[in-house]
PDB file of N, CA and C in Angstrom:
ATOM      1  N   UNK A   1       7.141 -14.236  -6.716  1.00  0.00           N
ATOM      2  CA  UNK A   1       5.969 -12.957  -7.780  1.00  0.00           C
ATOM      3  C   UNK A   1       7.287 -11.927  -9.291  1.00  0.00           C
ATOM      4  N   UNK A   2       5.975 -12.021  -9.496  1.00  0.00           N
ATOM      5  CA  UNK A   2       7.024 -11.287 -10.690  1.00  0.00           C
ATOM      6  C   UNK A   2       6.291  -9.583  -9.794  1.00  0.00           C
ATOM      7  N   UNK A   3       6.853  -8.615 -10.251  1.00  0.00           N
ATOM      8  CA  UNK A   3       6.139  -7.407 -10.852  1.00  0.00           C
ATOM      9  C   UNK A   3       4.662  -7.093 -10.880  1.00  0.00           C
ATOM     10  N   UNK A   4       4.397  -7.610 -11.895  1.00  0.00           N
ATOM     11  CA  UNK A   4       2.944  -7.165 -12.352  1.00  0.00           C
ATOM     12  C   UNK A   4       2.029  -8.263 -11.220  1.00  0.00           C
ATOM     13  N   UNK A   5       2.476  -9.082 -10.950  1.00  0.00           N
ATOM     14  CA  UNK A   5       2.032  -9.864  -9.957  1.00  0.00           C
ATOM     15  C   UNK A   5       1.539  -9.267  -8.534  1.00  0.00           C
ATOM     16  N   UNK A   6       2.784  -8.521  -8.411  1.00  0.00           N
ATOM     17  CA  UNK A   6       3.075  -7.692  -7.162  1.00  0.00           C
ATOM     18  C   UNK A   6       2.036  -6.405  -7.197  1.00  0.00           C
ATOM     19  N   UNK A   7       1.901  -5.791  -8.506  1.00  0.00           N
ATOM     20  CA  UNK A   7       0.875  -4.907  -8.914  1.00  0.00           C
ATOM     21  C   UNK A   7      -0.054  -4.730  -8.966  1.00  0.00           C
ATOM     22  N   UNK A   8      -0.195  -6.664  -9.096  1.00  0.00           N
ATOM     23  CA  UNK A   8      -2.046  -7.000  -9.106  1.00  0.00           C
ATOM     24  C   UNK A   8      -2.583  -6.521  -7.488  1.00  0.00           C
ATOM     25  N   UNK A   9      -1.795  -7.055  -7.088  1.00  0.00           N
ATOM     26  CA  UNK A   9      -2.130  -7.229  -5.467  1.00  0.00           C
ATOM     27  C   UNK A   9      -2.338  -6.248  -5.513  1.00  0.00           C
ATOM     28  N   UNK A  10      -1.206  -5.432  -5.449  1.00  0.00           N
ATOM     29  CA  UNK A  10      -1.792  -3.766  -4.965  1.00  0.00           C
ATOM     30  C   UNK A  10      -3.377  -3.227  -4.850  1.00  0.00           C
ATOM     31  N   UNK A  11      -3.026  -3.607  -6.491  1.00  0.00           N
ATOM     32  CA  UNK A  11      -4.774  -2.616  -6.865  1.00  0.00           C
ATOM     33  C   UNK A  11      -5.571  -3.800  -6.783  1.00  0.00           C
ATOM     34  N   UNK A  12      -5.462  -4.469  -5.941  1.00  0.00           N
ATOM     35  CA  UNK A  12      -6.742  -5.532  -6.026  1.00  0.00           C
ATOM     36  C   UNK A  12      -7.091  -4.349  -4.357  1.00  0.00           C
ATOM     37  N   UNK A  13      -5.818  -4.576  -3.875  1.00  0.00           N
ATOM     38  CA  UNK A  13      -5.899  -3.752  -2.123  1.00  0.00           C
ATOM     39  C   UNK A  13      -6.010  -2.335  -1.959  1.00  0.00           C
ATOM     40  N   UNK A  14      -5.777  -1.286  -3.467  1.00  0.00           N
ATOM     41  CA  UNK A  14      -6.142  -0.633  -2.913  1.00  0.00           C
ATOM     42  C   UNK A  14      -7.779  -0.487  -3.866  1.00  0.00           C
ATOM     43  N   UNK A  15      -7.991  -1.308  -4.654  1.00  0.00           N
ATOM     44  CA  UNK A  15      -9.303  -1.169  -4.747  1.00  0.00           C
ATOM     45  C   UNK A  15     -11.095  -1.649  -3.465  1.00  0.00           C
ATOM     46  N   UNK A  16     -10.425  -2.692  -2.971  1.00  0.00           N
ATOM     47  CA  UNK A  16     -11.330  -2.978  -1.131  1.00  0.00           C
ATOM     48  C   UNK A  16     -10.564  -1.784  -0.714  1.00  0.00           C
ATOM     49  N   UNK A  17      -9.784  -0.929  -0.794  1.00  0.00           N
ATOM     50  CA  UNK A  17      -9.737   0.240   0.582  1.00  0.00           C
ATOM     51  C   UNK A  17     -10.834   0.658   0.005  1.00  0.00           C
ATOM     52  N   UNK A  18     -10.573   1.650  -1.108  1.00  0.00           N
ATOM     53  CA  UNK A  18     -11.390   2.862  -2.011  1.00  0.00           C
ATOM     54  C   UNK A  18     -13.185   2.209  -1.722  1.00  0.00           C
ATOM     55  N   UNK A  19     -13.593   1.058  -1.988  1.00  0.00           N
ATOM     56  CA  UNK A  19     -14.866   0.322  -1.195  1.00  0.00           C
ATOM     57  C   UNK A  19     -15.013   0.260  -0.433  1.00  0.00           C
ATOM     58  N   UNK A  20     -14.499  -0.514   0.592  1.00  0.00           N
ATOM     59  CA  UNK A  20     -14.762   0.235   1.890  1.00  0.00           C
ATOM     60  C   UNK A  20     -14.620   1.488   2.523  1.00  0.00           C
ATOM     61  N   UNK A  21     -13.849   3.014   2.184  1.00  0.00           N
ATOM     62  CA  UNK A  21     -14.536   3.894   2.374  1.00  0.00           C
ATOM     63  C   UNK A  21     -15.069   4.342   2.200  1.00  0.00           C
ATOM     64  N   UNK A  22     -15.753   4.156   0.749  1.00  0.00           N
ATOM     65  CA  UNK A  22     -16.551   4.325  -0.066  1.00  0.00           C
ATOM     66  C   UNK A  22     -17.784   3.715   0.861  1.00  0.00           C
ATOM     67  N   UNK A  23     -18.146   2.811   1.331  1.00  0.00           N
ATOM     68  CA  UNK A  23     -19.616   2.334   2.296  1.00  0.00           C
ATOM     69  C   UNK A  23     -19.538   2.957   3.354  1.00  0.00           C
ATOM     70  N   UNK A  24     -20.546   3.721   3.188  1.00  0.00           N
ATOM     71  CA  UNK A  24     -21.197   4.327   4.212  1.00  0.00           C
ATOM     72  C   UNK A  24     -21.205   3.487   5.719  1.00  0.00           C
ATOM     73  N   UNK A  25     -21.517   2.969   5.954  1.00  0.00           N
ATOM     74  CA  UNK A  25     -22.343   1.537   6.773  1.00  0.00           C
ATOM     75  C   UNK A  25     -20.954   1.341   7.409  1.00  0.00           C
ATOM     76  N   UNK A  26     -19.914   1.412   6.532  1.00  0.00           N
ATOM     77  CA  UNK A  26     -18.941   0.603   7.731  1.00  0.00           C
ATOM     78  C   UNK A  26     -17.864   1.784   7.688  1.00  0.00           C
ATOM     79  N   UNK A  27     -17.505   2.794   7.217  1.00  0.00           N
ATOM     80  CA  UNK A  27     -16.403   4.196   7.499  1.00  0.00           C
ATOM     81  C   UNK A  27     -17.365   5.116   7.309  1.00  0.00           C
ATOM     82  N   UNK A  28     -18.442   5.374   7.773  1.00  0.00           N
ATOM     83  CA  UNK A  28     -19.202   6.577   7.719  1.00  0.00           C
ATOM     84  C   UNK A  28     -19.429   7.602   8.877  1.00  0.00           C
ATOM     85  N   UNK A  29     -18.568   6.397  10.236  1.00  0.00           N
ATOM     86  CA  UNK A  29     -17.997   7.144  11.581  1.00  0.00           C
ATOM     87  C   UNK A  29     -16.942   7.324  11.223  1.00  0.00           C
ATOM     88  N   UNK A  30     -15.743   7.304  10.655  1.00  0.00           N
ATOM     89  CA  UNK A  30     -14.855   7.396  10.693  1.00  0.00           C
ATOM     90  C   UNK A  30     -14.492   9.053  10.991  1.00  0.00           C
ATOM     91  N   UNK A  31     -13.402  10.051  11.409  1.00  0.00           N
ATOM     92  CA  UNK A  31     -13.733  11.015  11.313  1.00  0.00           C
ATOM     93  C   UNK A  31     -12.612  10.960  10.373  1.00  0.00           C
ATOM     94  N   UNK A  32     -12.022  12.471   9.787  1.00  0.00           N
ATOM     95  CA  UNK A  32     -10.525  12.661   8.778  1.00  0.00           C
ATOM     96  C   UNK A  32      -9.405  11.662   9.620  1.00  0.00           C
ATOM     97  N   UNK A  33      -8.980  12.251  11.017  1.00  0.00           N
ATOM     98  CA  UNK A  33      -8.154  11.250  11.500  1.00  0.00           C
ATOM     99  C   UNK A  33      -8.549   9.871  11.417  1.00  0.00           C
ATOM    100  N   UNK A  34      -9.220   9.121  11.155  1.00  0.00           N
ATOM    101  CA  UNK A  34      -9.019   8.178  11.421  1.00  0.00           C
ATOM    102  C   UNK A  34      -9.081   7.600  10.091  1.00  0.00           C
ATOM    103  N   UNK A  35      -9.070   8.427   8.942  1.00  0.00           N
ATOM    104  CA  UNK A  35      -9.284   7.466   7.813  1.00  0.00           C
ATOM    105  C   UNK A  35      -7.883   7.950   7.345  1.00  0.00           C
ATOM    106  N   UNK A  36      -7.170   8.597   7.923  1.00  0.00           N
ATOM    107  CA  UNK A  36      -5.732   9.334   7.065  1.00  0.00           C
ATOM    108  C   UNK A  36      -4.927   8.142   7.917  1.00  0.00           C
ATOM    109  N   UNK A  37      -5.049   7.922   9.171  1.00  0.00           N
ATOM    110  CA  UNK A  37      -4.706   6.683  10.119  1.00  0.00           C
ATOM    111  C   UNK A  37      -4.663   5.584   9.294  1.00  0.00           C
ATOM    112  N   UNK A  38      -5.474   5.035   8.816  1.00  0.00           N
ATOM    113  CA  UNK A  38      -5.980   4.227   8.249  1.00  0.00           C
ATOM    114  C   UNK A  38      -5.959   4.027   6.775  1.00  0.00           C
ATOM    115  N   UNK A  39      -4.965   4.878   5.263  1.00  0.00           N
ATOM    116  CA  UNK A  39      -4.249   5.091   4.562  1.00  0.00           C
ATOM    117  C   UNK A  39      -2.963   4.826   4.910  1.00  0.00           C
ATOM    118  N   UNK A  40      -2.225   5.442   5.666  1.00  0.00           N
ATOM    119  CA  UNK A  40      -1.336   5.481   6.211  1.00  0.00           C
ATOM    120  C   UNK A  40      -1.101   3.305   6.937  1.00  0.00           C
ATOM    121  N   UNK A  41      -1.271   3.135   7.419  1.00  0.00           N
ATOM    122  CA  UNK A  41      -1.474   1.902   7.705  1.00  0.00           C
ATOM    123  C   UNK A  41      -0.620   0.418   6.331  1.00  0.00           C
ATOM    124  N   UNK A  42      -2.473   0.923   5.339  1.00  0.00           N
ATOM    125  CA  UNK A  42      -2.675   0.468   4.530  1.00  0.00           C
ATOM    126  C   UNK A  42      -1.070   0.228   3.758  1.00  0.00           C
ATOM    127  N   UNK A  43      -0.635   1.833   3.450  1.00  0.00           N
ATOM    128  CA  UNK A  43       0.421   2.328   2.183  1.00  0.00           C
ATOM    129  C   UNK A  43       2.145   1.364   3.848  1.00  0.00           C
ATOM    130  N   UNK A  44       1.793   1.113   5.137  1.00  0.00           N
ATOM    131  CA  UNK A  44       3.408   0.680   5.537  1.00  0.00           C
ATOM    132  C   UNK A  44       3.218  -0.950   5.189  1.00  0.00           C
ATOM    133  N   UNK A  45       1.794  -1.531   5.291  1.00  0.00           N
ATOM    134  CA  UNK A  45       1.909  -2.730   4.975  1.00  0.00           C
ATOM    135  C   UNK A  45       2.382  -3.330   3.387  1.00  0.00           C
ATOM    136  N   UNK A  46       1.549  -2.418   2.006  1.00  0.00           N
ATOM    137  CA  UNK A  46       2.162  -2.327   0.992  1.00  0.00           C
ATOM    138  C   UNK A  46       3.067  -2.485   0.476  1.00  0.00           C
ATOM    139  N   UNK A  47       4.442  -1.043   1.224  1.00  0.00           N
ATOM    140  CA  UNK A  47       5.513  -0.753   1.024  1.00  0.00           C
ATOM    141  C   UNK A  47       6.104  -2.306   1.894  1.00  0.00           C
ATOM    142  N   UNK A  48       6.190  -3.019   2.558  1.00  0.00           N
ATOM    143  CA  UNK A  48       6.331  -4.527   3.661  1.00  0.00           C
ATOM    144  C   UNK A  48       6.052  -5.946   2.717  1.00  0.00           C
ATOM    145  N   UNK A  49       4.808  -4.869   1.810  1.00  0.00           N
ATOM    146  CA  UNK A  49       4.331  -6.454   0.369  1.00  0.00           C
ATOM    147  C   UNK A  49       4.936  -6.859  -0.410  1.00  0.00           C
ATOM    148  N   UNK A  50       5.875  -5.498  -0.527  1.00  0.00           N
ATOM    149  CA  UNK A  50       6.637  -5.435  -1.937  1.00  0.00           C
ATOM    150  C   UNK A  50       7.685  -6.367  -1.186  1.00  0.00           C
ATOM    151  N   UNK A  51       8.744  -5.418  -0.751  1.00  0.00           N
ATOM    152  CA  UNK A  51       9.467  -5.240   0.998  1.00  0.00           C
ATOM    153  C   UNK A  51      10.224  -6.910   0.233  1.00  0.00           C
ATOM    154  N   UNK A  52       8.930  -7.994   0.870  1.00  0.00           N
ATOM    155  CA  UNK A  52       8.950  -9.426   1.143  1.00  0.00           C
ATOM    156  C   UNK A  52       8.416 -10.375  -0.322  1.00  0.00           C
ATOM    157  N   UNK A  53       8.675  -9.521  -1.221  1.00  0.00           N
ATOM    158  CA  UNK A  53       8.489 -10.509  -2.926  1.00  0.00           C
ATOM    159  C   UNK A  53       9.628  -9.952  -3.555  1.00  0.00           C
ATOM    160  N   UNK A  54      10.521  -8.805  -2.729  1.00  0.00           N
ATOM    161  CA  UNK A  54      11.432  -8.252  -3.746  1.00  0.00           C
ATOM    162  C   UNK A  54      11.749  -7.465  -4.528  1.00  0.00           C
ATOM    163  N   UNK A  55      10.920  -6.427  -4.258  1.00  0.00           N
ATOM    164  CA  UNK A  55      10.715  -5.348  -4.942  1.00  0.00           C
ATOM    165  C   UNK A  55      10.603  -4.602  -3.748  1.00  0.00           C
ATOM    166  N   UNK A  56      10.801  -2.612  -4.373  1.00  0.00           N
ATOM    167  CA  UNK A  56      10.052  -1.645  -4.067  1.00  0.00           C
ATOM    168  C   UNK A  56       9.037  -1.087  -4.515  1.00  0.00           C
ATOM    169  N   UNK A  57       9.097  -0.499  -3.969  1.00  0.00           N
ATOM    170  CA  UNK A  57       7.586   0.706  -3.311  1.00  0.00           C
ATOM    171  C   UNK A  57       7.681   1.230  -3.781  1.00  0.00           C
ATOM    172  N   UNK A  58       8.160   1.830  -3.839  1.00  0.00           N
ATOM    173  CA  UNK A  58       8.312   3.431  -4.892  1.00  0.00           C
ATOM    174  C   UNK A  58       8.749   3.133  -6.673  1.00  0.00           C
ATOM    175  N   UNK A  59      10.235   2.936  -6.724  1.00  0.00           N
ATOM    176  CA  UNK A  59      10.638   2.808  -8.072  1.00  0.00           C
ATOM    177  C   UNK A  59       9.551   1.600  -8.888  1.00  0.00           C
ATOM    178  N   UNK A  60       9.180   0.163  -7.769  1.00  0.00           N
ATOM    179  CA  UNK A  60       9.449  -1.072  -8.772  1.00  0.00           C
ATOM    180  C   UNK A  60      10.361  -1.777  -9.366  1.00  0.00           C
ATOM    181  N   UNK A  61      11.071  -1.248  -8.903  1.00  0.00           N
ATOM    182  CA  UNK A  61      12.540  -2.251  -9.617  1.00  0.00           C
ATOM    183  C   UNK A  61      13.166  -3.313  -8.347  1.00  0.00           C
ATOM    184  N   UNK A  62      13.660  -4.560  -8.397  1.00  0.00           N
ATOM    185  CA  UNK A  62      14.378  -5.546  -7.587  1.00  0.00           C
ATOM    186  C   UNK A  62      15.298  -4.442  -6.499  1.00  0.00           C
ATOM    187  N   UNK A  63      15.167  -4.965  -5.206  1.00  0.00           N
ATOM    188  CA  UNK A  63      15.800  -3.861  -4.151  1.00  0.00           C
ATOM    189  C   UNK A  63      17.113  -4.295  -4.683  1.00  0.00           C
ATOM    190  N   UNK A  64      17.990  -4.917  -5.007  1.00  0.00           N
ATOM    191  CA  UNK A  64      19.365  -4.824  -5.282  1.00  0.00           C
ATOM    192  C   UNK A  64      19.347  -4.255  -6.442  1.00  0.00           C
ATOM    193  N   UNK A  65      18.395  -3.229  -7.407  1.00  0.00           N
ATOM    194  CA  UNK A  65      18.421  -2.717  -8.885  1.00  0.00           C
ATOM    195  C   UNK A  65      18.058  -1.160  -8.175  1.00  0.00           C
ATOM    196  N   UNK A  66      17.235  -1.015  -6.619  1.00  0.00           N
ATOM    197  CA  UNK A  66      16.326  -0.111  -6.735  1.00  0.00           C
ATOM    198  C   UNK A  66      18.004   1.046  -5.787  1.00  0.00           C
ATOM    199  N   UNK A  67      17.316   2.353  -6.436  1.00  0.00           N
ATOM    200  CA  UNK A  67      18.578   3.214  -6.422  1.00  0.00           C
ATOM    201  C   UNK A  67      17.765   4.452  -4.803  1.00  0.00           C
ATOM    202  N   UNK A  68      16.806   4.230  -4.646  1.00  0.00           N
ATOM    203  CA  UNK A  68      15.745   5.459  -3.704  1.00  0.00           C
ATOM    204  C   UNK A  68      16.804   5.231  -2.323  1.00  0.00           C
ATOM    205  N   UNK A  69      16.775   6.708  -1.746  1.00  0.00           N
ATOM    206  CA  UNK A  69      17.189   6.681  -0.336  1.00  0.00           C
ATOM    207  C   UNK A  69      15.559   6.183   0.190  1.00  0.00           C
ATOM    208  N   UNK A  70      17.399   5.745   0.965  1.00  0.00           N
ATOM    209  CA  UNK A  70      16.454   5.163   2.283  1.00  0.00           C
ATOM    210  C   UNK A  70      15.834   5.719   3.011  1.00  0.00           C
ATOM    211  N   UNK A  71      14.928   5.796   4.237  1.00  0.00           N
ATOM    212  CA  UNK A  71      14.332   6.263   4.765  1.00  0.00           C
ATOM    213  C   UNK A  71      13.997   5.883   6.146  1.00  0.00           C
ATOM    214  N   UNK A  72      14.811   6.862   6.763  1.00  0.00           N
ATOM    215  CA  UNK A  72      14.819   6.474   8.632  1.00  0.00           C
ATOM    216  C   UNK A  72      13.690   6.090   9.270  1.00  0.00           C
ATOM    217  N   UNK A  73      12.974   5.039   9.844  1.00  0.00           N
ATOM    218  CA  UNK A  73      11.616   6.029  10.525  1.00  0.00           C
ATOM    219  C   UNK A  73      12.102   6.095  12.285  1.00  0.00           C
TER     220      UNK A  73
END
């Protein structure tokens, strides 16, 4: 995938999660911490999606050209 396709998929996913959070029948019973946990998991999935496709989530460069510091988990 090109970076444009990866970012398009990211924005589509972001739109979906915003819609889901905006739908009270789906997310109305979630606490603030529940929402943060879901967003954290979603963001980690996006980081992994970018990496699987050869890009850095933070800077959008190819992994070989990325100069971002690596965070240890």
